[in-house]
PDB file of all heavy atoms in Angstrom:
ATOM      1  N   ASN A   1      81.404  91.588 142.351  1.00  0.00           N
ATOM      2  CA  ASN A   1      82.631  91.030 141.784  1.00  0.00           C
ATOM      3  C   ASN A   1      82.512  90.724 140.294  1.00  0.00           C
ATOM      4  O   ASN A   1      83.533  90.614 139.617  1.00  0.00           O
ATOM      5  CB  ASN A   1      83.044  89.784 142.554  1.00  0.00           C
ATOM      6  CG  ASN A   1      83.466  90.112 143.971  1.00  0.00           C
ATOM      7  OD1 ASN A   1      83.904  91.227 144.254  1.00  0.00           O
ATOM      8  ND2 ASN A   1      83.315  89.164 144.879  1.00  0.00           N
ATOM      9  N   SER A   2      81.286  90.593 139.798  1.00  0.00           N
ATOM     10  CA  SER A   2      81.107  90.317 138.369  1.00  0.00           C
ATOM     11  C   SER A   2      81.051  91.600 137.541  1.00  0.00           C
ATOM     12  O   SER A   2      80.918  91.547 136.324  1.00  0.00           O
ATOM     13  CB  SER A   2      79.830  89.511 138.134  1.00  0.00           C
ATOM     14  OG  SER A   2      78.680  90.319 138.357  1.00  0.00           O
ATOM     15  N   GLY A   3      81.119  92.755 138.206  1.00  0.00           N
ATOM     16  CA  GLY A   3      81.096  94.027 137.495  1.00  0.00           C
ATOM     17  C   GLY A   3      79.700  94.531 137.181  1.00  0.00           C
ATOM     18  O   GLY A   3      79.520  95.336 136.280  1.00  0.00           O
ATOM     19  N   MET A   4      78.709  94.053 137.913  1.00  0.00           N
ATOM     20  CA  MET A   4      77.337  94.515 137.689  1.00  0.00           C
ATOM     21  C   MET A   4      77.291  96.033 137.783  1.00  0.00           C
ATOM     22  O   MET A   4      77.952  96.630 138.624  1.00  0.00           O
ATOM     23  CB  MET A   4      76.389  93.895 138.715  1.00  0.00           C
ATOM     24  CG  MET A   4      74.932  94.258 138.484  1.00  0.00           C
ATOM     25  SD  MET A   4      73.804  93.334 139.536  1.00  0.00           S
ATOM     26  CE  MET A   4      73.644  91.842 138.573  1.00  0.00           C
ATOM     27  N   THR A   5      76.527  96.656 136.904  1.00  0.00           N
ATOM     28  CA  THR A   5      76.419  98.111 136.872  1.00  0.00           C
ATOM     29  C   THR A   5      75.062  98.561 137.398  1.00  0.00           C
ATOM     30  O   THR A   5      74.122  97.781 137.475  1.00  0.00           O
ATOM     31  CB  THR A   5      76.619  98.646 135.446  1.00  0.00           C
ATOM     32  OG1 THR A   5      75.616  98.077 134.593  1.00  0.00           O
ATOM     33  CG2 THR A   5      78.008  98.299 134.920  1.00  0.00           C
ATOM     34  N   TYR A   6      74.987  99.842 137.734  1.00  0.00           N
ATOM     35  CA  TYR A   6      73.760 100.436 138.261  1.00  0.00           C
ATOM     36  C   TYR A   6      72.895 100.929 137.112  1.00  0.00           C
ATOM     37  O   TYR A   6      73.362 101.645 136.234  1.00  0.00           O
ATOM     38  CB  TYR A   6      74.112 101.608 139.192  1.00  0.00           C
ATOM     39  CG  TYR A   6      72.925 102.184 139.899  1.00  0.00           C
ATOM     40  CD1 TYR A   6      72.454 101.601 141.064  1.00  0.00           C
ATOM     41  CD2 TYR A   6      72.270 103.300 139.402  1.00  0.00           C
ATOM     42  CE1 TYR A   6      71.353 102.123 141.728  1.00  0.00           C
ATOM     43  CE2 TYR A   6      71.172 103.831 140.055  1.00  0.00           C
ATOM     44  CZ  TYR A   6      70.718 103.232 141.217  1.00  0.00           C
ATOM     45  OH  TYR A   6      69.628 103.742 141.865  1.00  0.00           O
ATOM     46  N   ASP A   7      71.624 100.518 137.111  1.00  0.00           N
ATOM     47  CA  ASP A   7      70.692 100.942 136.070  1.00  0.00           C
ATOM     48  C   ASP A   7      69.293 101.020 136.652  1.00  0.00           C
ATOM     49  O   ASP A   7      68.742 100.009 137.072  1.00  0.00           O
ATOM     50  CB  ASP A   7      70.732  99.936 134.916  1.00  0.00           C
ATOM     51  CG  ASP A   7      69.876 100.341 133.729  1.00  0.00           C
ATOM     52  OD1 ASP A   7      68.997 101.223 133.864  1.00  0.00           O
ATOM     53  OD2 ASP A   7      70.074  99.758 132.653  1.00  0.00           O
ATOM     54  N   MET A   8      68.732 102.220 136.693  1.00  0.00           N
ATOM     55  CA  MET A   8      67.368 102.390 137.197  1.00  0.00           C
ATOM     56  C   MET A   8      66.326 102.204 136.099  1.00  0.00           C
ATOM     57  O   MET A   8      65.129 102.263 136.360  1.00  0.00           O
ATOM     58  CB  MET A   8      67.187 103.784 137.796  1.00  0.00           C
ATOM     59  CG  MET A   8      67.809 103.932 139.161  1.00  0.00           C
ATOM     60  SD  MET A   8      67.502 105.546 139.888  1.00  0.00           S
ATOM     61  CE  MET A   8      65.738 105.524 140.113  1.00  0.00           C
ATOM     62  N   GLY A   9      66.764 101.939 134.890  1.00  0.00           N
ATOM     63  CA  GLY A   9      65.845 101.795 133.765  1.00  0.00           C
ATOM     64  C   GLY A   9      65.497 100.350 133.483  1.00  0.00           C
ATOM     65  O   GLY A   9      65.441  99.504 134.381  1.00  0.00           O
ATOM     66  N   SER A  10      65.297 100.057 132.221  1.00  0.00           N
ATOM     67  CA  SER A  10      64.852  98.726 131.808  1.00  0.00           C
ATOM     68  C   SER A  10      65.901  97.648 132.058  1.00  0.00           C
ATOM     69  O   SER A  10      65.569  96.468 132.108  1.00  0.00           O
ATOM     70  CB  SER A  10      64.469  98.733 130.333  1.00  0.00           C
ATOM     71  OG  SER A  10      65.582  99.096 129.540  1.00  0.00           O
ATOM     72  N   GLY A  11      67.154  98.036 132.269  1.00  0.00           N
ATOM     73  CA  GLY A  11      68.210  97.064 132.523  1.00  0.00           C
ATOM     74  C   GLY A  11      68.306  96.596 133.956  1.00  0.00           C
ATOM     75  O   GLY A  11      69.125  95.736 134.279  1.00  0.00           O
ATOM     76  N   ARG A  12      67.454  97.128 134.843  1.00  0.00           N
ATOM     77  CA  ARG A  12      67.573  96.827 136.279  1.00  0.00           C
ATOM     78  C   ARG A  12      67.352  95.359 136.622  1.00  0.00           C
ATOM     79  O   ARG A  12      67.703  94.917 137.703  1.00  0.00           O
ATOM     80  CB  ARG A  12      66.620  97.722 137.082  1.00  0.00           C
ATOM     81  CG  ARG A  12      65.159  97.380 136.940  1.00  0.00           C
ATOM     82  CD  ARG A  12      64.254  98.421 137.566  1.00  0.00           C
ATOM     83  NE  ARG A  12      64.178  98.374 138.989  1.00  0.00           N
ATOM     84  CZ  ARG A  12      63.254  97.711 139.680  1.00  0.00           C
ATOM     85  NH1 ARG A  12      62.323  97.028 139.061  1.00  0.00           N
ATOM     86  NH2 ARG A  12      63.273  97.742 140.988  1.00  0.00           N
ATOM     87  N   GLY A  13      66.803  94.597 135.715  1.00  0.00           N
ATOM     88  CA  GLY A  13      66.565  93.185 135.983  1.00  0.00           C
ATOM     89  C   GLY A  13      67.413  92.257 135.152  1.00  0.00           C
ATOM     90  O   GLY A  13      67.187  91.052 135.145  1.00  0.00           O
ATOM     91  N   THR A  14      68.402  92.815 134.460  1.00  0.00           N
ATOM     92  CA  THR A  14      69.249  91.974 133.615  1.00  0.00           C
ATOM     93  C   THR A  14      70.393  91.375 134.428  1.00  0.00           C
ATOM     94  O   THR A  14      70.640  91.756 135.575  1.00  0.00           O
ATOM     95  CB  THR A  14      69.835  92.793 132.449  1.00  0.00           C
ATOM     96  OG1 THR A  14      70.741  93.760 132.973  1.00  0.00           O
ATOM     97  CG2 THR A  14      68.740  93.478 131.641  1.00  0.00           C
ATOM     98  N   GLU A  15      71.078  90.440 133.810  1.00  0.00           N
ATOM     99  CA  GLU A  15      72.213  89.787 134.471  1.00  0.00           C
ATOM    100  C   GLU A  15      73.341  90.761 134.764  1.00  0.00           C
ATOM    101  O   GLU A  15      74.093  90.591 135.714  1.00  0.00           O
ATOM    102  CB  GLU A  15      72.711  88.650 133.578  1.00  0.00           C
ATOM    103  CG  GLU A  15      73.760  87.791 134.220  1.00  0.00           C
ATOM    104  CD  GLU A  15      74.146  86.616 133.345  1.00  0.00           C
ATOM    105  OE1 GLU A  15      73.248  85.948 132.814  1.00  0.00           O
ATOM    106  OE2 GLU A  15      75.358  86.386 133.194  1.00  0.00           O
ATOM    107  N   LYS A  16      73.445  91.817 133.973  1.00  0.00           N
ATOM    108  CA  LYS A  16      74.566  92.751 134.079  1.00  0.00           C
ATOM    109  C   LYS A  16      74.265  94.008 134.868  1.00  0.00           C
ATOM    110  O   LYS A  16      75.174  94.759 135.194  1.00  0.00           O
ATOM    111  CB  LYS A  16      75.029  93.164 132.676  1.00  0.00           C
ATOM    112  CG  LYS A  16      75.469  92.027 131.806  1.00  0.00           C
ATOM    113  CD  LYS A  16      76.869  91.642 132.113  1.00  0.00           C
ATOM    114  CE  LYS A  16      77.332  90.567 131.140  1.00  0.00           C
ATOM    115  NZ  LYS A  16      78.528  89.932 131.561  1.00  0.00           N
ATOM    116  N   SER A  17      72.988  94.278 135.199  1.00  0.00           N
ATOM    117  CA  SER A  17      72.632  95.547 135.842  1.00  0.00           C
ATOM    118  C   SER A  17      71.544  95.372 136.894  1.00  0.00           C
ATOM    119  O   SER A  17      70.752  94.437 136.832  1.00  0.00           O
ATOM    120  CB  SER A  17      72.131  96.557 134.805  1.00  0.00           C
ATOM    121  OG  SER A  17      73.113  96.840 133.855  1.00  0.00           O
ATOM    122  N   ALA A  18      71.525  96.320 137.832  1.00  0.00           N
ATOM    123  CA  ALA A  18      70.484  96.374 138.870  1.00  0.00           C
ATOM    124  C   ALA A  18      70.468  97.778 139.442  1.00  0.00           C
ATOM    125  O   ALA A  18      71.429  98.527 139.306  1.00  0.00           O
ATOM    126  CB  ALA A  18      70.766  95.366 139.979  1.00  0.00           C
ATOM    127  N   ASP A  19      69.364  98.145 140.065  1.00  0.00           N
ATOM    128  CA  ASP A  19      69.360  99.350 140.888  1.00  0.00           C
ATOM    129  C   ASP A  19      69.272  98.868 142.335  1.00  0.00           C
ATOM    130  O   ASP A  19      69.315  97.664 142.603  1.00  0.00           O
ATOM    131  CB  ASP A  19      68.234 100.311 140.485  1.00  0.00           C
ATOM    132  CG  ASP A  19      66.839  99.766 140.703  1.00  0.00           C
ATOM    133  OD1 ASP A  19      66.683  98.641 141.225  1.00  0.00           O
ATOM    134  OD2 ASP A  19      65.880 100.461 140.351  1.00  0.00           O
ATOM    135  N   CYS A  20      69.196  99.793 143.271  1.00  0.00           N
ATOM    136  CA  CYS A  20      69.230  99.419 144.687  1.00  0.00           C
ATOM    137  C   CYS A  20      68.162  98.394 145.048  1.00  0.00           C
ATOM    138  O   CYS A  20      68.445  97.332 145.599  1.00  0.00           O
ATOM    139  CB  CYS A  20      69.058 100.653 145.579  1.00  0.00           C
ATOM    140  SG  CYS A  20      70.317 101.901 145.328  1.00  0.00           S
ATOM    141  N   SER A  21      66.913  98.713 144.727  1.00  0.00           N
ATOM    142  CA  SER A  21      65.815  97.845 145.150  1.00  0.00           C
ATOM    143  C   SER A  21      65.789  96.532 144.371  1.00  0.00           C
ATOM    144  O   SER A  21      65.530  95.478 144.953  1.00  0.00           O
ATOM    145  CB  SER A  21      64.473  98.565 145.038  1.00  0.00           C
ATOM    146  OG  SER A  21      64.294  99.098 143.755  1.00  0.00           O
ATOM    147  N   SER A  22      66.079  96.571 143.063  1.00  0.00           N
ATOM    148  CA  SER A  22      66.058  95.304 142.317  1.00  0.00           C
ATOM    149  C   SER A  22      67.177  94.380 142.798  1.00  0.00           C
ATOM    150  O   SER A  22      67.002  93.157 142.824  1.00  0.00           O
ATOM    151  CB  SER A  22      66.141  95.539 140.813  1.00  0.00           C
ATOM    152  OG  SER A  22      67.372  96.089 140.416  1.00  0.00           O
ATOM    153  N   ALA A  23      68.307  94.941 143.198  1.00  0.00           N
ATOM    154  CA  ALA A  23      69.385  94.117 143.755  1.00  0.00           C
ATOM    155  C   ALA A  23      68.937  93.445 145.048  1.00  0.00           C
ATOM    156  O   ALA A  23      69.209  92.263 145.280  1.00  0.00           O
ATOM    157  CB  ALA A  23      70.631  94.962 143.991  1.00  0.00           C
ATOM    158  N   VAL A  24      68.230  94.183 145.892  1.00  0.00           N
ATOM    159  CA  VAL A  24      67.745  93.595 147.143  1.00  0.00           C
ATOM    160  C   VAL A  24      66.732  92.494 146.849  1.00  0.00           C
ATOM    161  O   VAL A  24      66.823  91.393 147.405  1.00  0.00           O
ATOM    162  CB  VAL A  24      67.134  94.672 148.079  1.00  0.00           C
ATOM    163  CG1 VAL A  24      66.445  94.030 149.268  1.00  0.00           C
ATOM    164  CG2 VAL A  24      68.214  95.635 148.541  1.00  0.00           C
ATOM    165  N   PHE A  25      65.764  92.761 145.972  1.00  0.00           N
ATOM    166  CA  PHE A  25      64.782  91.733 145.627  1.00  0.00           C
ATOM    167  C   PHE A  25      65.451  90.498 145.054  1.00  0.00           C
ATOM    168  O   PHE A  25      65.133  89.373 145.441  1.00  0.00           O
ATOM    169  CB  PHE A  25      63.748  92.273 144.631  1.00  0.00           C
ATOM    170  CG  PHE A  25      62.586  92.948 145.284  1.00  0.00           C
ATOM    171  CD1 PHE A  25      62.534  94.319 145.367  1.00  0.00           C
ATOM    172  CD2 PHE A  25      61.544  92.212 145.826  1.00  0.00           C
ATOM    173  CE1 PHE A  25      61.463  94.962 145.973  1.00  0.00           C
ATOM    174  CE2 PHE A  25      60.468  92.839 146.433  1.00  0.00           C
ATOM    175  CZ  PHE A  25      60.431  94.214 146.505  1.00  0.00           C
ATOM    176  N   ARG A  26      66.369  90.694 144.146  1.00  0.00           N
ATOM    177  CA  ARG A  26      67.039  89.556 143.511  1.00  0.00           C
ATOM    178  C   ARG A  26      67.882  88.773 144.502  1.00  0.00           C
ATOM    179  O   ARG A  26      67.941  87.547 144.450  1.00  0.00           O
ATOM    180  CB  ARG A  26      67.848  90.048 142.320  1.00  0.00           C
ATOM    181  CG  ARG A  26      66.903  90.518 141.202  1.00  0.00           C
ATOM    182  CD  ARG A  26      67.535  91.402 140.189  1.00  0.00           C
ATOM    183  NE  ARG A  26      68.579  90.722 139.441  1.00  0.00           N
ATOM    184  CZ  ARG A  26      69.371  91.359 138.579  1.00  0.00           C
ATOM    185  NH1 ARG A  26      69.234  92.654 138.371  1.00  0.00           N
ATOM    186  NH2 ARG A  26      70.295  90.699 137.930  1.00  0.00           N
ATOM    187  N   SER A  27      68.512  89.461 145.449  1.00  0.00           N
ATOM    188  CA  SER A  27      69.289  88.746 146.460  1.00  0.00           C
ATOM    189  C   SER A  27      68.377  87.991 147.432  1.00  0.00           C
ATOM    190  O   SER A  27      68.723  86.904 147.889  1.00  0.00           O
ATOM    191  CB  SER A  27      70.210  89.709 147.206  1.00  0.00           C
ATOM    192  OG  SER A  27      69.481  90.611 148.010  1.00  0.00           O
ATOM    193  N   LEU A  28      67.206  88.551 147.730  1.00  0.00           N
ATOM    194  CA  LEU A  28      66.243  87.849 148.584  1.00  0.00           C
ATOM    195  C   LEU A  28      65.709  86.595 147.897  1.00  0.00           C
ATOM    196  O   LEU A  28      65.487  85.565 148.549  1.00  0.00           O
ATOM    197  CB  LEU A  28      65.089  88.775 148.974  1.00  0.00           C
ATOM    198  CG  LEU A  28      65.426  89.889 149.962  1.00  0.00           C
ATOM    199  CD1 LEU A  28      64.257  90.864 150.080  1.00  0.00           C
ATOM    200  CD2 LEU A  28      65.807  89.332 151.327  1.00  0.00           C
ATOM    201  N   ILE A  29      65.522  86.659 146.588  1.00  0.00           N
ATOM    202  CA  ILE A  29      65.112  85.470 145.828  1.00  0.00           C
ATOM    203  C   ILE A  29      66.231  84.439 145.873  1.00  0.00           C
ATOM    204  O   ILE A  29      66.003  83.268 146.173  1.00  0.00           O
ATOM    205  CB  ILE A  29      64.756  85.852 144.377  1.00  0.00           C
ATOM    206  CG1 ILE A  29      63.464  86.672 144.359  1.00  0.00           C
ATOM    207  CG2 ILE A  29      64.641  84.603 143.505  1.00  0.00           C
ATOM    208  CD1 ILE A  29      63.162  87.341 143.027  1.00  0.00           C
ATOM    209  N   TYR A  30      67.445  84.870 145.598  1.00  0.00           N
ATOM    210  CA  TYR A  30      68.602  83.975 145.609  1.00  0.00           C
ATOM    211  C   TYR A  30      68.758  83.303 146.980  1.00  0.00           C
ATOM    212  O   TYR A  30      69.045  82.116 147.068  1.00  0.00           O
ATOM    213  CB  TYR A  30      69.869  84.756 145.255  1.00  0.00           C
ATOM    214  CG  TYR A  30      71.123  83.930 145.271  1.00  0.00           C
ATOM    215  CD1 TYR A  30      71.506  83.209 144.153  1.00  0.00           C
ATOM    216  CD2 TYR A  30      71.927  83.880 146.404  1.00  0.00           C
ATOM    217  CE1 TYR A  30      72.660  82.442 144.165  1.00  0.00           C
ATOM    218  CE2 TYR A  30      73.083  83.113 146.426  1.00  0.00           C
ATOM    219  CZ  TYR A  30      73.444  82.394 145.301  1.00  0.00           C
ATOM    220  OH  TYR A  30      74.589  81.630 145.323  1.00  0.00           O
ATOM    221  N   GLY A  31      68.549  84.069 148.034  1.00  0.00           N
ATOM    222  CA  GLY A  31      68.693  83.541 149.382  1.00  0.00           C
ATOM    223  C   GLY A  31      67.527  82.687 149.853  1.00  0.00           C
ATOM    224  O   GLY A  31      67.563  82.134 150.946  1.00  0.00           O
ATOM    225  N   GLY A  32      66.487  82.573 149.034  1.00  0.00           N
ATOM    226  CA  GLY A  32      65.355  81.726 149.394  1.00  0.00           C
ATOM    227  C   GLY A  32      64.306  82.409 150.255  1.00  0.00           C
ATOM    228  O   GLY A  32      63.384  81.754 150.747  1.00  0.00           O
ATOM    229  N   PHE A  33      64.413  83.713 150.430  1.00  0.00           N
ATOM    230  CA  PHE A  33      63.447  84.451 151.236  1.00  0.00           C
ATOM    231  C   PHE A  33      62.189  84.802 150.456  1.00  0.00           C
ATOM    232  O   PHE A  33      61.147  85.069 151.040  1.00  0.00           O
ATOM    233  CB  PHE A  33      64.071  85.726 151.810  1.00  0.00           C
ATOM    234  CG  PHE A  33      65.128  85.433 152.829  1.00  0.00           C
ATOM    235  CD1 PHE A  33      66.455  85.358 152.450  1.00  0.00           C
ATOM    236  CD2 PHE A  33      64.794  85.220 154.157  1.00  0.00           C
ATOM    237  CE1 PHE A  33      67.438  85.076 153.390  1.00  0.00           C
ATOM    238  CE2 PHE A  33      65.767  84.940 155.097  1.00  0.00           C
ATOM    239  CZ  PHE A  33      67.092  84.867 154.710  1.00  0.00           C
ATOM    240  N   LEU A  34      62.313  84.840 149.123  1.00  0.00           N
ATOM    241  CA  LEU A  34      61.172  85.085 148.242  1.00  0.00           C
ATOM    242  C   LEU A  34      61.139  83.976 147.199  1.00  0.00           C
ATOM    243  O   LEU A  34      62.179  83.391 146.867  1.00  0.00           O
ATOM    244  CB  LEU A  34      61.300  86.443 147.535  1.00  0.00           C
ATOM    245  CG  LEU A  34      61.267  87.691 148.404  1.00  0.00           C
ATOM    246  CD1 LEU A  34      61.572  88.930 147.559  1.00  0.00           C
ATOM    247  CD2 LEU A  34      59.916  87.841 149.088  1.00  0.00           C
ATOM    248  N   ASN A  35      59.962  83.702 146.643  1.00  0.00           N
ATOM    249  CA  ASN A  35      59.826  82.707 145.586  1.00  0.00           C
ATOM    250  C   ASN A  35      60.607  83.121 144.354  1.00  0.00           C
ATOM    251  O   ASN A  35      60.784  84.316 144.094  1.00  0.00           O
ATOM    252  CB  ASN A  35      58.360  82.525 145.209  1.00  0.00           C
ATOM    253  CG  ASN A  35      57.560  81.903 146.320  1.00  0.00           C
ATOM    254  OD1 ASN A  35      58.061  81.079 147.075  1.00  0.00           O
ATOM    255  ND2 ASN A  35      56.307  82.297 146.435  1.00  0.00           N
ATOM    256  N   SER A  36      61.018  82.160 143.563  1.00  0.00           N
ATOM    257  CA  SER A  36      61.818  82.450 142.375  1.00  0.00           C
ATOM    258  C   SER A  36      61.077  83.299 141.351  1.00  0.00           C
ATOM    259  O   SER A  36      61.701  83.960 140.530  1.00  0.00           O
ATOM    260  CB  SER A  36      62.292  81.150 141.719  1.00  0.00           C
ATOM    261  OG  SER A  36      61.185  80.370 141.321  1.00  0.00           O
ATOM    262  N   ASN A  37      59.764  83.312 141.403  1.00  0.00           N
ATOM    263  CA  ASN A  37      58.981  84.122 140.469  1.00  0.00           C
ATOM    264  C   ASN A  37      58.435  85.392 141.126  1.00  0.00           C
ATOM    265  O   ASN A  37      57.506  86.005 140.607  1.00  0.00           O
ATOM    266  CB  ASN A  37      57.837  83.300 139.877  1.00  0.00           C
ATOM    267  CG  ASN A  37      56.881  82.789 140.942  1.00  0.00           C
ATOM    268  OD1 ASN A  37      57.172  82.854 142.136  1.00  0.00           O
ATOM    269  ND2 ASN A  37      55.747  82.263 140.516  1.00  0.00           N
ATOM    270  N   ALA A  38      59.023  85.793 142.231  1.00  0.00           N
ATOM    271  CA  ALA A  38      58.547  86.978 142.966  1.00  0.00           C
ATOM    272  C   ALA A  38      58.691  88.243 142.122  1.00  0.00           C
ATOM    273  O   ALA A  38      59.616  88.375 141.315  1.00  0.00           O
ATOM    274  CB  ALA A  38      59.316  87.140 144.271  1.00  0.00           C
ATOM    275  N   TYR A  39      57.764  89.153 142.336  1.00  0.00           N
ATOM    276  CA  TYR A  39      57.787  90.463 141.684  1.00  0.00           C
ATOM    277  C   TYR A  39      59.024  91.241 142.133  1.00  0.00           C
ATOM    278  O   TYR A  39      59.325  91.291 143.323  1.00  0.00           O
ATOM    279  CB  TYR A  39      56.508  91.222 142.047  1.00  0.00           C
ATOM    280  CG  TYR A  39      56.476  92.666 141.637  1.00  0.00           C
ATOM    281  CD1 TYR A  39      56.344  93.018 140.294  1.00  0.00           C
ATOM    282  CD2 TYR A  39      56.570  93.679 142.582  1.00  0.00           C
ATOM    283  CE1 TYR A  39      56.299  94.344 139.907  1.00  0.00           C
ATOM    284  CE2 TYR A  39      56.517  95.019 142.197  1.00  0.00           C
ATOM    285  CZ  TYR A  39      56.391  95.331 140.865  1.00  0.00           C
ATOM    286  OH  TYR A  39      56.354  96.649 140.484  1.00  0.00           O
ATOM    287  N   ILE A  40      59.739  91.838 141.187  1.00  0.00           N
ATOM    288  CA  ILE A  40      60.894  92.683 141.504  1.00  0.00           C
ATOM    289  C   ILE A  40      60.347  94.097 141.675  1.00  0.00           C
ATOM    290  O   ILE A  40      60.144  94.818 140.700  1.00  0.00           O
ATOM    291  CB  ILE A  40      61.963  92.635 140.387  1.00  0.00           C
ATOM    292  CG1 ILE A  40      62.400  91.204 140.101  1.00  0.00           C
ATOM    293  CG2 ILE A  40      63.147  93.523 140.766  1.00  0.00           C
ATOM    294  CD1 ILE A  40      63.069  90.493 141.254  1.00  0.00           C
ATOM    295  N   GLY A  41      60.106  94.471 142.905  1.00  0.00           N
ATOM    296  CA  GLY A  41      59.498  95.762 143.202  1.00  0.00           C
ATOM    297  C   GLY A  41      60.493  96.897 143.279  1.00  0.00           C
ATOM    298  O   GLY A  41      61.602  96.824 142.750  1.00  0.00           O
ATOM    299  N   ASN A  42      60.087  97.941 143.984  1.00  0.00           N
ATOM    300  CA  ASN A  42      60.919  99.138 144.127  1.00  0.00           C
ATOM    301  C   ASN A  42      61.119  99.432 145.613  1.00  0.00           C
ATOM    302  O   ASN A  42      60.746  98.635 146.472  1.00  0.00           O
ATOM    303  CB  ASN A  42      60.287 100.318 143.393  1.00  0.00           C
ATOM    304  CG  ASN A  42      58.882 100.604 143.882  1.00  0.00           C
ATOM    305  OD1 ASN A  42      58.538 100.378 145.044  1.00  0.00           O
ATOM    306  ND2 ASN A  42      58.043 101.090 142.993  1.00  0.00           N
ATOM    307  N   THR A  43      61.689 100.582 145.912  1.00  0.00           N
ATOM    308  CA  THR A  43      61.974 100.931 147.309  1.00  0.00           C
ATOM    309  C   THR A  43      60.696 100.989 148.140  1.00  0.00           C
ATOM    310  O   THR A  43      60.673 100.525 149.276  1.00  0.00           O
ATOM    311  CB  THR A  43      62.722 102.276 147.384  1.00  0.00           C
ATOM    312  OG1 THR A  43      63.916 102.168 146.604  1.00  0.00           O
ATOM    313  CG2 THR A  43      63.094 102.627 148.806  1.00  0.00           C
ATOM    314  N   GLU A  44      59.634 101.538 147.581  1.00  0.00           N
ATOM    315  CA  GLU A  44      58.370 101.613 148.332  1.00  0.00           C
ATOM    316  C   GLU A  44      57.799 100.225 148.593  1.00  0.00           C
ATOM    317  O   GLU A  44      57.204  99.982 149.643  1.00  0.00           O
ATOM    318  CB  GLU A  44      57.357 102.490 147.593  1.00  0.00           C
ATOM    319  CG  GLU A  44      57.717 103.964 147.621  1.00  0.00           C
ATOM    320  CD  GLU A  44      57.853 104.531 149.030  1.00  0.00           C
ATOM    321  OE1 GLU A  44      57.057 104.188 149.919  1.00  0.00           O
ATOM    322  OE2 GLU A  44      58.780 105.320 149.251  1.00  0.00           O
ATOM    323  N   THR A  45      57.979  99.298 147.646  1.00  0.00           N
ATOM    324  CA  THR A  45      57.546  97.918 147.860  1.00  0.00           C
ATOM    325  C   THR A  45      58.313  97.308 149.024  1.00  0.00           C
ATOM    326  O   THR A  45      57.732  96.632 149.882  1.00  0.00           O
ATOM    327  CB  THR A  45      57.761  97.078 146.587  1.00  0.00           C
ATOM    328  OG1 THR A  45      57.249  97.768 145.457  1.00  0.00           O
ATOM    329  CG2 THR A  45      57.087  95.726 146.703  1.00  0.00           C
TER     330      THR A  45
END
């Protein structure tokens, strides 16, 4: 709803962009399933 865009590059961890796996990691952190300083991995992670 905020208009986040898809970015597989260096923007994948910014407030405005994510790729598939970074979005999942970031949502898991937000939901309390991972620590706030957890590594933002990739699909294989």
